[in-house]
Amino acid sequence: MTLRDDKLEMLQNQVISKIRWGEEAEDVRLWLESKKGIGGAEADRIVERALRARSAAIRFRALWTLCFAGIGLLASGGYFLTFFVSRVVVVGRITVVMLALGVTSLYYVGRSLIRLLSGSTVGPVDQV
């Protein structure tokens, strides 16, 4: 790798970080032109690569969230399935907790599916 390649890789990592933390693509392009002297097709290529990296990171995080939310949904569903099978309903603290777990898990399943399919979110990638 030459010195130019090293600097270009470091610049690409900076752009990926900016995009990943939710900065707009147009603002990053302006930053590349004004601060780094890179414009035109090369700036577009760098930003496009960063946008693809952001989308991949969003989908990866959404997949993990979907897995954990699915586990919560299965646990809650299994708990209420025992009520259905036994035809006995017990109302207590654990029932309220399992209901809250089920509703919360359902919310995260829906949100994760949307993010998994779209590859986009508002704000930083690492935001819950």
Protein backbone atom coordinates (compact mmCIF):
# COMPACT_ATOMS: atom_id res chain seq x y z
CA MET A 1 0.00 0.00 0.00
CA THR A 2 1.22 3.44 -0.83
CA LEU A 3 0.90 6.50 1.33
CA ARG A 4 -2.05 7.66 -0.80
CA ASP A 5 -3.81 4.33 -0.28
CA ASP A 6 -3.30 4.55 3.48
CA LYS A 7 -4.67 8.09 3.61
CA LEU A 8 -7.60 7.14 1.39
CA GLU A 9 -8.42 4.17 3.63
CA MET A 10 -8.22 6.36 6.73
CA LEU A 11 -10.45 8.94 5.05
CA GLN A 12 -12.93 6.20 4.08
CA ASN A 13 -13.06 5.07 7.73
CA GLN A 14 -13.73 8.66 8.84
CA VAL A 15 -16.56 8.98 6.35
CA ILE A 16 -18.02 5.63 7.45
CA SER A 17 -17.94 6.86 11.06
CA LYS A 18 -19.66 10.13 10.19
CA ILE A 19 -22.39 8.37 8.20
CA ARG A 20 -22.76 5.66 10.84
CA TRP A 21 -23.37 8.28 13.52
CA GLY A 22 -26.21 9.76 11.51
CA GLU A 23 -24.65 12.64 9.61
CA GLU A 24 -26.35 13.39 6.30
CA ALA A 25 -24.62 12.24 3.11
CA GLU A 26 -24.72 15.74 1.61
CA ASP A 27 -23.03 17.21 4.70
CA VAL A 28 -20.29 14.59 4.43
CA ARG A 29 -19.82 15.39 0.73
CA LEU A 30 -19.45 19.09 1.60
CA TRP A 31 -16.97 18.18 4.34
CA LEU A 32 -14.95 16.13 1.87
CA GLU A 33 -14.85 19.03 -0.58
CA SER A 34 -14.10 21.80 1.91
CA LYS A 35 -11.78 20.10 4.40
CA LYS A 36 -10.16 17.31 2.38
CA GLY A 37 -10.22 18.68 -1.15
CA ILE A 38 -12.01 15.64 -2.57
CA GLY A 39 -15.02 16.24 -4.75
CA GLY A 40 -16.97 14.92 -7.68
CA ALA A 41 -17.07 11.24 -8.50
CA GLU A 42 -14.47 10.25 -5.92
CA ALA A 43 -16.42 11.89 -3.08
CA ASP A 44 -19.61 10.22 -4.32
CA ARG A 45 -17.85 6.85 -4.38
CA ILE A 46 -16.52 7.28 -0.83
CA VAL A 47 -19.91 8.35 0.50
CA GLU A 48 -21.72 5.55 -1.36
CA ARG A 49 -19.38 2.98 0.18
CA ALA A 50 -20.07 4.49 3.62
CA LEU A 51 -23.83 4.36 3.03
CA ARG A 52 -23.58 0.67 2.11
CA ALA A 53 -21.55 0.02 5.28
CA ARG A 54 -24.21 1.84 7.34
CA SER A 55 -26.99 -0.18 5.78
CA ALA A 56 -25.13 -3.44 6.46
CA ALA A 57 -24.55 -2.43 10.10
CA ILE A 58 -28.24 -1.55 10.54
CA ARG A 59 -29.31 -4.90 9.12
CA PHE A 60 -26.81 -6.78 11.31
CA ARG A 61 -28.06 -5.04 14.45
CA ALA A 62 -31.69 -5.56 13.40
CA LEU A 63 -31.04 -9.28 12.96
CA TRP A 64 -29.65 -9.60 16.48
CA THR A 65 -32.52 -7.57 17.93
CA LEU A 66 -34.97 -9.75 16.02
CA CYS A 67 -33.42 -12.89 17.51
CA PHE A 68 -33.64 -11.63 21.09
CA ALA A 69 -37.14 -10.22 20.62
CA GLY A 70 -38.19 -13.56 19.12
CA ILE A 71 -36.96 -15.34 22.23
CA GLY A 72 -39.00 -12.98 24.42
CA LEU A 73 -42.04 -13.49 22.22
CA LEU A 74 -41.67 -17.28 22.42
CA ALA A 75 -41.32 -17.17 26.21
CA SER A 76 -44.38 -14.98 26.60
CA GLY A 77 -46.35 -16.97 24.06
CA GLY A 78 -45.45 -20.24 25.78
CA TYR A 79 -46.60 -18.86 29.11
CA PHE A 80 -50.00 -17.85 27.74
CA LEU A 81 -50.27 -21.08 25.75
CA THR A 82 -50.25 -22.99 29.04
CA PHE A 83 -53.32 -20.97 30.06
CA PHE A 84 -55.04 -21.86 26.81
CA VAL A 85 -54.21 -25.57 27.07
CA SER A 86 -55.10 -25.91 30.75
CA ARG A 87 -58.12 -23.60 30.43
CA VAL A 88 -57.09 -21.94 33.69
CA VAL A 89 -56.13 -18.27 33.88
CA VAL A 90 -53.97 -17.11 36.76
CA VAL A 91 -53.71 -13.37 37.20
CA GLY A 92 -50.71 -12.20 39.16
CA ARG A 93 -47.43 -10.35 38.91
CA ILE A 94 -45.84 -12.92 36.62
CA THR A 95 -48.80 -12.67 34.24
CA VAL A 96 -48.41 -8.90 34.04
CA VAL A 97 -44.65 -9.27 33.51
CA MET A 98 -45.17 -11.85 30.76
CA LEU A 99 -47.77 -9.63 29.11
CA ALA A 100 -45.34 -6.70 29.18
CA LEU A 101 -42.58 -8.94 27.79
CA GLY A 102 -44.86 -10.09 24.99
CA VAL A 103 -45.93 -6.58 24.00
CA THR A 104 -42.38 -5.24 24.16
CA SER A 105 -41.05 -8.20 22.17
CA LEU A 106 -43.75 -7.74 19.56
CA TYR A 107 -42.78 -4.08 19.19
CA TYR A 108 -39.09 -4.97 18.73
CA VAL A 109 -39.92 -7.75 16.26
CA GLY A 110 -41.87 -5.29 14.12
CA ARG A 111 -39.23 -2.59 14.32
CA SER A 112 -36.44 -5.05 13.56
CA LEU A 113 -38.27 -6.45 10.55
CA ILE A 114 -38.72 -2.95 9.14
CA ARG A 115 -35.04 -2.15 9.66
CA LEU A 116 -33.96 -5.51 8.29
CA LEU A 117 -35.95 -5.00 5.11
CA SER A 118 -35.21 -1.31 4.59
CA GLY A 119 -31.64 -1.10 5.91
CA SER A 120 -32.29 2.38 7.25
CA THR A 121 -33.02 4.09 10.54
CA VAL A 122 -33.11 7.60 11.94
CA GLY A 123 -30.06 8.63 13.91
CA PRO A 124 -26.95 6.62 14.76
CA VAL A 125 -26.69 2.94 13.87
CA ASP A 126 -25.93 1.93 17.45
CA GLN A 127 -29.02 3.65 18.82
CA VAL A 128 -31.41 1.17 20.37
